[in-house]
Amino acid sequence: MSELLPTVTHDMLLLGCLLVLVASVLLGLLRAMRGPSVEDRLMSVLLLGTGGVATMLLLGQLLANRALYDVALVFALLAAVLAAAMTRREVKHD
């Protein structure tokens, strides 16, 4: 019975962290849609990328699925490309 307790506590902690991350990503999505300035939108897109990576890493740990680590890596690369594209687009318009 003592071996089961640390696992349940560990999984509950990871699940709590996952819920906080999802809430953060949802708030970032709201800011990306409503953002009054381009800087706000860019920061929220970066938050979405970071939150997506962290979410995939936590899900990979919770579900013991190594493929989700690869998905997290792809999310990180896409977030970097998207941030560079948004920055370049805004520089051309100024």
PDB file of N, CA and C in Angstrom:
ATOM      1  N   MET A   1       0.811  -1.187   0.000  1.00  0.00           N
ATOM      2  CA  MET A   1       0.000   0.000   0.000  1.00  0.00           C
ATOM      3  C   MET A   1       0.862   1.261   0.000  1.00  0.00           C
ATOM      4  N   SER A   2       1.985   1.250   0.659  1.00  0.00           N
ATOM      5  CA  SER A   2       2.846   2.428   0.711  1.00  0.00           C
ATOM      6  C   SER A   2       3.465   2.732  -0.650  1.00  0.00           C
ATOM      7  N   GLU A   3       3.599   1.728  -1.519  1.00  0.00           N
ATOM      8  CA  GLU A   3       4.146   1.974  -2.851  1.00  0.00           C
ATOM      9  C   GLU A   3       3.139   2.692  -3.739  1.00  0.00           C
ATOM     10  N   LEU A   4       1.860   2.511  -3.493  1.00  0.00           N
ATOM     11  CA  LEU A   4       0.833   3.137  -4.311  1.00  0.00           C
ATOM     12  C   LEU A   4       0.677   4.613  -3.980  1.00  0.00           C
ATOM     13  N   LEU A   5       0.874   5.006  -2.762  1.00  0.00           N
ATOM     14  CA  LEU A   5       0.641   6.381  -2.323  1.00  0.00           C
ATOM     15  C   LEU A   5       1.528   7.399  -3.043  1.00  0.00           C
ATOM     16  N   PRO A   6       2.848   7.188  -3.169  1.00  0.00           N
ATOM     17  CA  PRO A   6       3.648   8.187  -3.882  1.00  0.00           C
ATOM     18  C   PRO A   6       3.248   8.319  -5.349  1.00  0.00           C
ATOM     19  N   THR A   7       2.844   7.245  -5.989  1.00  0.00           N
ATOM     20  CA  THR A   7       2.445   7.315  -7.388  1.00  0.00           C
ATOM     21  C   THR A   7       1.167   8.125  -7.544  1.00  0.00           C
ATOM     22  N   VAL A   8       0.194   7.895  -6.688  1.00  0.00           N
ATOM     23  CA  VAL A   8      -1.048   8.643  -6.765  1.00  0.00           C
ATOM     24  C   VAL A   8      -0.794  10.115  -6.486  1.00  0.00           C
ATOM     25  N   THR A   9       0.018  10.430  -5.521  1.00  0.00           N
ATOM     26  CA  THR A   9       0.340  11.814  -5.204  1.00  0.00           C
ATOM     27  C   THR A   9       1.079  12.476  -6.360  1.00  0.00           C
ATOM     28  N   HIS A  10       2.013  11.763  -6.956  1.00  0.00           N
ATOM     29  CA  HIS A  10       2.783  12.272  -8.088  1.00  0.00           C
ATOM     30  C   HIS A  10       1.863  12.542  -9.279  1.00  0.00           C
ATOM     31  N   ASP A  11       0.958  11.621  -9.569  1.00  0.00           N
ATOM     32  CA  ASP A  11       0.032  11.800 -10.681  1.00  0.00           C
ATOM     33  C   ASP A  11      -0.937  12.948 -10.420  1.00  0.00           C
ATOM     34  N   MET A  12      -1.373  13.079  -9.181  1.00  0.00           N
ATOM     35  CA  MET A  12      -2.279  14.179  -8.855  1.00  0.00           C
ATOM     36  C   MET A  12      -1.575  15.535  -8.989  1.00  0.00           C
ATOM     37  N   LEU A  13      -0.313  15.590  -8.607  1.00  0.00           N
ATOM     38  CA  LEU A  13       0.462  16.818  -8.748  1.00  0.00           C
ATOM     39  C   LEU A  13       0.638  17.169 -10.221  1.00  0.00           C
ATOM     40  N   LEU A  14       0.956  16.182 -11.035  1.00  0.00           N
ATOM     41  CA  LEU A  14       1.106  16.425 -12.465  1.00  0.00           C
ATOM     42  C   LEU A  14      -0.216  16.862 -13.092  1.00  0.00           C
ATOM     43  N   LEU A  15      -1.305  16.266 -12.668  1.00  0.00           N
ATOM     44  CA  LEU A  15      -2.612  16.639 -13.180  1.00  0.00           C
ATOM     45  C   LEU A  15      -2.976  18.077 -12.773  1.00  0.00           C
ATOM     46  N   GLY A  16      -2.657  18.459 -11.547  1.00  0.00           N
ATOM     47  CA  GLY A  16      -2.887  19.835 -11.115  1.00  0.00           C
ATOM     48  C   GLY A  16      -2.080  20.828 -11.934  1.00  0.00           C
ATOM     49  N   CYS A  17      -0.820  20.504 -12.188  1.00  0.00           N
ATOM     50  CA  CYS A  17       0.022  21.362 -13.023  1.00  0.00           C
ATOM     51  C   CYS A  17      -0.527  21.454 -14.440  1.00  0.00           C
ATOM     52  N   LEU A  18      -1.032  20.346 -14.938  1.00  0.00           N
ATOM     53  CA  LEU A  18      -1.610  20.320 -16.278  1.00  0.00           C
ATOM     54  C   LEU A  18      -2.842  21.227 -16.360  1.00  0.00           C
ATOM     55  N   LEU A  19      -3.667  21.210 -15.341  1.00  0.00           N
ATOM     56  CA  LEU A  19      -4.852  22.066 -15.335  1.00  0.00           C
ATOM     57  C   LEU A  19      -4.476  23.548 -15.286  1.00  0.00           C
ATOM     58  N   VAL A  20      -3.464  23.884 -14.519  1.00  0.00           N
ATOM     59  CA  VAL A  20      -3.000  25.277 -14.456  1.00  0.00           C
ATOM     60  C   VAL A  20      -2.445  25.710 -15.818  1.00  0.00           C
ATOM     61  N   LEU A  21      -1.717  24.820 -16.477  1.00  0.00           N
ATOM     62  CA  LEU A  21      -1.171  25.145 -17.792  1.00  0.00           C
ATOM     63  C   LEU A  21      -2.266  25.345 -18.830  1.00  0.00           C
ATOM     64  N   VAL A  22      -3.257  24.488 -18.803  1.00  0.00           N
ATOM     65  CA  VAL A  22      -4.358  24.622 -19.765  1.00  0.00           C
ATOM     66  C   VAL A  22      -5.105  25.933 -19.526  1.00  0.00           C
ATOM     67  N   ALA A  23      -5.312  26.299 -18.269  1.00  0.00           N
ATOM     68  CA  ALA A  23      -5.959  27.575 -17.968  1.00  0.00           C
ATOM     69  C   ALA A  23      -5.110  28.739 -18.477  1.00  0.00           C
ATOM     70  N   SER A  24      -3.808  28.643 -18.312  1.00  0.00           N
ATOM     71  CA  SER A  24      -2.908  29.686 -18.785  1.00  0.00           C
ATOM     72  C   SER A  24      -2.952  29.799 -20.313  1.00  0.00           C
ATOM     73  N   VAL A  25      -2.979  28.663 -20.988  1.00  0.00           N
ATOM     74  CA  VAL A  25      -3.045  28.672 -22.450  1.00  0.00           C
ATOM     75  C   VAL A  25      -4.378  29.265 -22.921  1.00  0.00           C
ATOM     76  N   LEU A  26      -5.466  28.942 -22.246  1.00  0.00           N
ATOM     77  CA  LEU A  26      -6.763  29.492 -22.630  1.00  0.00           C
ATOM     78  C   LEU A  26      -6.802  31.012 -22.425  1.00  0.00           C
ATOM     79  N   LEU A  27      -6.222  31.496 -21.341  1.00  0.00           N
ATOM     80  CA  LEU A  27      -6.152  32.942 -21.121  1.00  0.00           C
ATOM     81  C   LEU A  27      -5.255  33.616 -22.165  1.00  0.00           C
ATOM     82  N   GLY A  28      -4.188  32.943 -22.541  1.00  0.00           N
ATOM     83  CA  GLY A  28      -3.323  33.468 -23.597  1.00  0.00           C
ATOM     84  C   GLY A  28      -4.027  33.522 -24.937  1.00  0.00           C
ATOM     85  N   LEU A  29      -4.862  32.529 -25.214  1.00  0.00           N
ATOM     86  CA  LEU A  29      -5.641  32.528 -26.448  1.00  0.00           C
ATOM     87  C   LEU A  29      -6.632  33.687 -26.465  1.00  0.00           C
ATOM     88  N   LEU A  30      -7.232  33.944 -25.329  1.00  0.00           N
ATOM     89  CA  LEU A  30      -8.143  35.080 -25.218  1.00  0.00           C
ATOM     90  C   LEU A  30      -7.402  36.392 -25.465  1.00  0.00           C
ATOM     91  N   ARG A  31      -6.211  36.513 -24.912  1.00  0.00           N
ATOM     92  CA  ARG A  31      -5.411  37.725 -25.115  1.00  0.00           C
ATOM     93  C   ARG A  31      -4.972  37.851 -26.574  1.00  0.00           C
ATOM     94  N   ALA A  32      -4.688  36.733 -27.228  1.00  0.00           N
ATOM     95  CA  ALA A  32      -4.282  36.777 -28.635  1.00  0.00           C
ATOM     96  C   ALA A  32      -5.422  37.272 -29.511  1.00  0.00           C
ATOM     97  N   MET A  33      -6.655  36.908 -29.161  1.00  0.00           N
ATOM     98  CA  MET A  33      -7.797  37.351 -29.960  1.00  0.00           C
ATOM     99  C   MET A  33      -8.165  38.804 -29.662  1.00  0.00           C
ATOM    100  N   ARG A  34      -8.048  39.245 -28.412  1.00  0.00           N
ATOM    101  CA  ARG A  34      -8.481  40.569 -28.005  1.00  0.00           C
ATOM    102  C   ARG A  34      -7.369  41.606 -27.969  1.00  0.00           C
ATOM    103  N   GLY A  35      -6.132  41.151 -27.990  1.00  0.00           N
ATOM    104  CA  GLY A  35      -4.999  42.027 -27.734  1.00  0.00           C
ATOM    105  C   GLY A  35      -5.072  43.377 -28.424  1.00  0.00           C
ATOM    106  N   PRO A  36      -4.917  44.450 -27.664  1.00  0.00           N
ATOM    107  CA  PRO A  36      -5.025  45.771 -28.286  1.00  0.00           C
ATOM    108  C   PRO A  36      -3.822  46.121 -29.160  1.00  0.00           C
ATOM    109  N   SER A  37      -2.689  45.529 -28.883  1.00  0.00           N
ATOM    110  CA  SER A  37      -1.503  45.859 -29.678  1.00  0.00           C
ATOM    111  C   SER A  37      -0.862  44.591 -30.225  1.00  0.00           C
ATOM    112  N   VAL A  38       0.007  44.798 -31.181  1.00  0.00           N
ATOM    113  CA  VAL A  38       0.703  43.669 -31.798  1.00  0.00           C
ATOM    114  C   VAL A  38       1.635  43.000 -30.793  1.00  0.00           C
ATOM    115  N   GLU A  39       2.218  43.783 -29.903  1.00  0.00           N
ATOM    116  CA  GLU A  39       3.123  43.221 -28.907  1.00  0.00           C
ATOM    117  C   GLU A  39       2.390  42.267 -27.969  1.00  0.00           C
ATOM    118  N   ASP A  40       1.168  42.652 -27.582  1.00  0.00           N
ATOM    119  CA  ASP A  40       0.363  41.760 -26.736  1.00  0.00           C
ATOM    120  C   ASP A  40       0.064  40.454 -27.447  1.00  0.00           C
ATOM    121  N   ARG A  41      -0.258  40.539 -28.713  1.00  0.00           N
ATOM    122  CA  ARG A  41      -0.570  39.335 -29.481  1.00  0.00           C
ATOM    123  C   ARG A  41       0.656  38.451 -29.653  1.00  0.00           C
ATOM    124  N   LEU A  42       1.800  39.070 -29.890  1.00  0.00           N
ATOM    125  CA  LEU A  42       3.031  38.295 -30.040  1.00  0.00           C
ATOM    126  C   LEU A  42       3.390  37.587 -28.743  1.00  0.00           C
ATOM    127  N   MET A  43       3.276  38.280 -27.628  1.00  0.00           N
ATOM    128  CA  MET A  43       3.580  37.656 -26.339  1.00  0.00           C
ATOM    129  C   MET A  43       2.612  36.521 -26.026  1.00  0.00           C
ATOM    130  N   SER A  44       1.349  36.685 -26.390  1.00  0.00           N
ATOM    131  CA  SER A  44       0.391  35.616 -26.125  1.00  0.00           C
ATOM    132  C   SER A  44       0.641  34.416 -27.024  1.00  0.00           C
ATOM    133  N   VAL A  45       1.096  34.646 -28.250  1.00  0.00           N
ATOM    134  CA  VAL A  45       1.437  33.523 -29.125  1.00  0.00           C
ATOM    135  C   VAL A  45       2.641  32.772 -28.568  1.00  0.00           C
ATOM    136  N   LEU A  46       3.605  33.498 -28.035  1.00  0.00           N
ATOM    137  CA  LEU A  46       4.751  32.832 -27.408  1.00  0.00           C
ATOM    138  C   LEU A  46       4.317  32.050 -26.166  1.00  0.00           C
ATOM    139  N   LEU A  47       3.371  32.603 -25.404  1.00  0.00           N
ATOM    140  CA  LEU A  47       2.821  31.883 -24.252  1.00  0.00           C
ATOM    141  C   LEU A  47       2.111  30.607 -24.699  1.00  0.00           C
ATOM    142  N   LEU A  48       1.373  30.689 -25.797  1.00  0.00           N
ATOM    143  CA  LEU A  48       0.685  29.507 -26.318  1.00  0.00           C
ATOM    144  C   LEU A  48       1.695  28.430 -26.731  1.00  0.00           C
ATOM    145  N   GLY A  49       2.784  28.843 -27.343  1.00  0.00           N
ATOM    146  CA  GLY A  49       3.801  27.867 -27.730  1.00  0.00           C
ATOM    147  C   GLY A  49       4.453  27.209 -26.525  1.00  0.00           C
ATOM    148  N   THR A  50       4.816  28.011 -25.545  1.00  0.00           N
ATOM    149  CA  THR A  50       5.439  27.473 -24.342  1.00  0.00           C
ATOM    150  C   THR A  50       4.472  26.605 -23.545  1.00  0.00           C
ATOM    151  N   GLY A  51       3.234  27.067 -23.422  1.00  0.00           N
ATOM    152  CA  GLY A  51       2.212  26.283 -22.718  1.00  0.00           C
ATOM    153  C   GLY A  51       1.898  24.982 -23.432  1.00  0.00           C
ATOM    154  N   GLY A  52       1.884  25.027 -24.752  1.00  0.00           N
ATOM    155  CA  GLY A  52       1.649  23.798 -25.521  1.00  0.00           C
ATOM    156  C   GLY A  52       2.764  22.782 -25.336  1.00  0.00           C
ATOM    157  N   VAL A  53       3.988  23.252 -25.314  1.00  0.00           N
ATOM    158  CA  VAL A  53       5.126  22.356 -25.091  1.00  0.00           C
ATOM    159  C   VAL A  53       5.059  21.747 -23.695  1.00  0.00           C
ATOM    160  N   ALA A  54       4.825  22.589 -22.695  1.00  0.00           N
ATOM    161  CA  ALA A  54       4.754  22.081 -21.321  1.00  0.00           C
ATOM    162  C   ALA A  54       3.581  21.114 -21.144  1.00  0.00           C
ATOM    163  N   THR A  55       2.455  21.412 -21.789  1.00  0.00           N
ATOM    164  CA  THR A  55       1.300  20.524 -21.700  1.00  0.00           C
ATOM    165  C   THR A  55       1.610  19.161 -22.310  1.00  0.00           C
ATOM    166  N   MET A  56       2.248  19.162 -23.462  1.00  0.00           N
ATOM    167  CA  MET A  56       2.583  17.888 -24.107  1.00  0.00           C
ATOM    168  C   MET A  56       3.597  17.098 -23.278  1.00  0.00           C
ATOM    169  N   LEU A  57       4.540  17.785 -22.657  1.00  0.00           N
ATOM    170  CA  LEU A  57       5.511  17.086 -21.815  1.00  0.00           C
ATOM    171  C   LEU A  57       4.841  16.467 -20.591  1.00  0.00           C
ATOM    172  N   LEU A  58       3.935  17.211 -19.964  1.00  0.00           N
ATOM    173  CA  LEU A  58       3.226  16.659 -18.804  1.00  0.00           C
ATOM    174  C   LEU A  58       2.305  15.506 -19.197  1.00  0.00           C
ATOM    175  N   LEU A  59       1.624  15.651 -20.333  1.00  0.00           N
ATOM    176  CA  LEU A  59       0.778  14.550 -20.794  1.00  0.00           C
ATOM    177  C   LEU A  59       1.607  13.317 -21.131  1.00  0.00           C
ATOM    178  N   GLY A  60       2.765  13.528 -21.717  1.00  0.00           N
ATOM    179  CA  GLY A  60       3.653  12.405 -22.015  1.00  0.00           C
ATOM    180  C   GLY A  60       4.097  11.683 -20.753  1.00  0.00           C
ATOM    181  N   GLN A  61       4.343  12.446 -19.705  1.00  0.00           N
ATOM    182  CA  GLN A  61       4.731  11.839 -18.428  1.00  0.00           C
ATOM    183  C   GLN A  61       3.555  11.123 -17.780  1.00  0.00           C
ATOM    184  N   LEU A  62       2.380  11.758 -17.789  1.00  0.00           N
ATOM    185  CA  LEU A  62       1.203  11.156 -17.164  1.00  0.00           C
ATOM    186  C   LEU A  62       0.765   9.872 -17.862  1.00  0.00           C
ATOM    187  N   LEU A  63       0.762   9.908 -19.199  1.00  0.00           N
ATOM    188  CA  LEU A  63       0.277   8.766 -19.973  1.00  0.00           C
ATOM    189  C   LEU A  63       1.380   7.777 -20.327  1.00  0.00           C
ATOM    190  N   ALA A  64       2.601   8.076 -19.945  1.00  0.00           N
ATOM    191  CA  ALA A  64       3.767   7.237 -20.266  1.00  0.00           C
ATOM    192  C   ALA A  64       3.844   6.973 -21.765  1.00  0.00           C
ATOM    193  N   ASN A  65       3.684   8.060 -22.534  1.00  0.00           N
ATOM    194  CA  ASN A  65       3.699   7.982 -23.984  1.00  0.00           C
ATOM    195  C   ASN A  65       4.860   8.822 -24.502  1.00  0.00           C
ATOM    196  N   ARG A  66       5.880   8.172 -25.010  1.00  0.00           N
ATOM    197  CA  ARG A  66       7.081   8.868 -25.468  1.00  0.00           C
ATOM    198  C   ARG A  66       6.834   9.677 -26.735  1.00  0.00           C
ATOM    199  N   ALA A  67       5.808   9.330 -27.506  1.00  0.00           N
ATOM    200  CA  ALA A  67       5.521  10.061 -28.736  1.00  0.00           C
ATOM    201  C   ALA A  67       5.106  11.501 -28.451  1.00  0.00           C
ATOM    202  N   LEU A  68       4.528  11.751 -27.303  1.00  0.00           N
ATOM    203  CA  LEU A  68       4.129  13.114 -26.964  1.00  0.00           C
ATOM    204  C   LEU A  68       5.334  14.019 -26.743  1.00  0.00           C
ATOM    205  N   TYR A  69       6.474  13.459 -26.419  1.00  0.00           N
ATOM    206  CA  TYR A  69       7.691  14.257 -26.314  1.00  0.00           C
ATOM    207  C   TYR A  69       8.088  14.783 -27.694  1.00  0.00           C
ATOM    208  N   ASP A  70       7.910  13.960 -28.716  1.00  0.00           N
ATOM    209  CA  ASP A  70       8.198  14.402 -30.074  1.00  0.00           C
ATOM    210  C   ASP A  70       7.223  15.492 -30.510  1.00  0.00           C
ATOM    211  N   VAL A  71       5.967  15.354 -30.127  1.00  0.00           N
ATOM    212  CA  VAL A  71       4.972  16.385 -30.440  1.00  0.00           C
ATOM    213  C   VAL A  71       5.352  17.692 -29.754  1.00  0.00           C
ATOM    214  N   ALA A  72       5.852  17.627 -28.542  1.00  0.00           N
ATOM    215  CA  ALA A  72       6.286  18.833 -27.823  1.00  0.00           C
ATOM    216  C   ALA A  72       7.448  19.505 -28.554  1.00  0.00           C
ATOM    217  N   LEU A  73       8.348  18.708 -29.085  1.00  0.00           N
ATOM    218  CA  LEU A  73       9.472  19.271 -29.839  1.00  0.00           C
ATOM    219  C   LEU A  73       8.985  19.974 -31.097  1.00  0.00           C
ATOM    220  N   VAL A  74       8.026  19.381 -31.777  1.00  0.00           N
ATOM    221  CA  VAL A  74       7.459  20.009 -32.972  1.00  0.00           C
ATOM    222  C   VAL A  74       6.742  21.309 -32.600  1.00  0.00           C
ATOM    223  N   PHE A  75       6.003  21.317 -31.491  1.00  0.00           N
ATOM    224  CA  PHE A  75       5.350  22.543 -31.029  1.00  0.00           C
ATOM    225  C   PHE A  75       6.374  23.637 -30.756  1.00  0.00           C
ATOM    226  N   ALA A  76       7.494  23.278 -30.155  1.00  0.00           N
ATOM    227  CA  ALA A  76       8.529  24.276 -29.855  1.00  0.00           C
ATOM    228  C   ALA A  76       9.095  24.873 -31.146  1.00  0.00           C
ATOM    229  N   LEU A  77       9.325  24.031 -32.136  1.00  0.00           N
ATOM    230  CA  LEU A  77       9.844  24.536 -33.407  1.00  0.00           C
ATOM    231  C   LEU A  77       8.821  25.414 -34.116  1.00  0.00           C
ATOM    232  N   LEU A  78       7.565  25.003 -34.101  1.00  0.00           N
ATOM    233  CA  LEU A  78       6.526  25.802 -34.743  1.00  0.00           C
ATOM    234  C   LEU A  78       6.337  27.146 -34.042  1.00  0.00           C
ATOM    235  N   ALA A  79       6.427  27.169 -32.733  1.00  0.00           N
ATOM    236  CA  ALA A  79       6.289  28.430 -32.001  1.00  0.00           C
ATOM    237  C   ALA A  79       7.427  29.390 -32.345  1.00  0.00           C
ATOM    238  N   ALA A  80       8.629  28.865 -32.485  1.00  0.00           N
ATOM    239  CA  ALA A  80       9.768  29.716 -32.838  1.00  0.00           C
ATOM    240  C   ALA A  80       9.609  30.274 -34.249  1.00  0.00           C
ATOM    241  N   VAL A  81       9.168  29.442 -35.179  1.00  0.00           N
ATOM    242  CA  VAL A  81       8.963  29.900 -36.557  1.00  0.00           C
ATOM    243  C   VAL A  81       7.839  30.929 -36.616  1.00  0.00           C
ATOM    244  N   LEU A  82       6.761  30.686 -35.879  1.00  0.00           N
ATOM    245  CA  LEU A  82       5.637  31.618 -35.867  1.00  0.00           C
ATOM    246  C   LEU A  82       6.042  32.963 -35.276  1.00  0.00           C
ATOM    247  N   ALA A  83       6.814  32.958 -34.222  1.00  0.00           N
ATOM    248  CA  ALA A  83       7.268  34.218 -33.622  1.00  0.00           C
ATOM    249  C   ALA A  83       8.170  34.978 -34.596  1.00  0.00           C
ATOM    250  N   ALA A  84       9.040  34.272 -35.283  1.00  0.00           N
ATOM    251  CA  ALA A  84       9.906  34.934 -36.262  1.00  0.00           C
ATOM    252  C   ALA A  84       9.093  35.489 -37.421  1.00  0.00           C
ATOM    253  N   ALA A  85       8.091  34.753 -37.860  1.00  0.00           N
ATOM    254  CA  ALA A  85       7.258  35.218 -38.964  1.00  0.00           C
ATOM    255  C   ALA A  85       6.439  36.436 -38.566  1.00  0.00           C
ATOM    256  N   MET A  86       5.884  36.434 -37.362  1.00  0.00           N
ATOM    257  CA  MET A  86       5.104  37.592 -36.909  1.00  0.00           C
ATOM    258  C   MET A  86       5.996  38.819 -36.754  1.00  0.00           C
ATOM    259  N   THR A  87       7.197  38.633 -36.252  1.00  0.00           N
ATOM    260  CA  THR A  87       8.120  39.748 -36.077  1.00  0.00           C
ATOM    261  C   THR A  87       8.536  40.316 -37.425  1.00  0.00           C
ATOM    262  N   ARG A  88       8.825  39.432 -38.357  1.00  0.00           N
ATOM    263  CA  ARG A  88       9.251  39.887 -39.685  1.00  0.00           C
ATOM    264  C   ARG A  88       8.120  40.622 -40.407  1.00  0.00           C
ATOM    265  N   ARG A  89       6.896  40.109 -40.257  1.00  0.00           N
ATOM    266  CA  ARG A  89       5.749  40.753 -40.894  1.00  0.00           C
ATOM    267  C   ARG A  89       5.538  42.156 -40.345  1.00  0.00           C
ATOM    268  N   GLU A  90       5.681  42.329 -39.043  1.00  0.00           N
ATOM    269  CA  GLU A  90       5.476  43.643 -38.444  1.00  0.00           C
ATOM    270  C   GLU A  90       6.588  44.612 -38.800  1.00  0.00           C
ATOM    271  N   VAL A  91       7.801  44.129 -38.989  1.00  0.00           N
ATOM    272  CA  VAL A  91       8.902  45.014 -39.362  1.00  0.00           C
ATOM    273  C   VAL A  91       8.688  45.540 -40.776  1.00  0.00           C
ATOM    274  N   LYS A  92       8.170  44.722 -41.680  1.00  0.00           N
ATOM    275  CA  LYS A  92       7.942  45.158 -43.063  1.00  0.00           C
ATOM    276  C   LYS A  92       6.876  46.242 -43.147  1.00  0.00           C
ATOM    277  N   HIS A  93       5.860  46.202 -42.282  1.00  0.00           N
ATOM    278  CA  HIS A  93       4.784  47.176 -42.347  1.00  0.00           C
ATOM    279  C   HIS A  93       5.161  48.536 -41.779  1.00  0.00           C
ATOM    280  N   ASP A  94       6.197  48.587 -40.975  1.00  0.00           N
ATOM    281  CA  ASP A  94       6.580  49.878 -40.352  1.00  0.00           C
ATOM    282  C   ASP A  94       7.415  50.727 -41.238  1.00  0.00           C
TER     283      ASP A  94
END
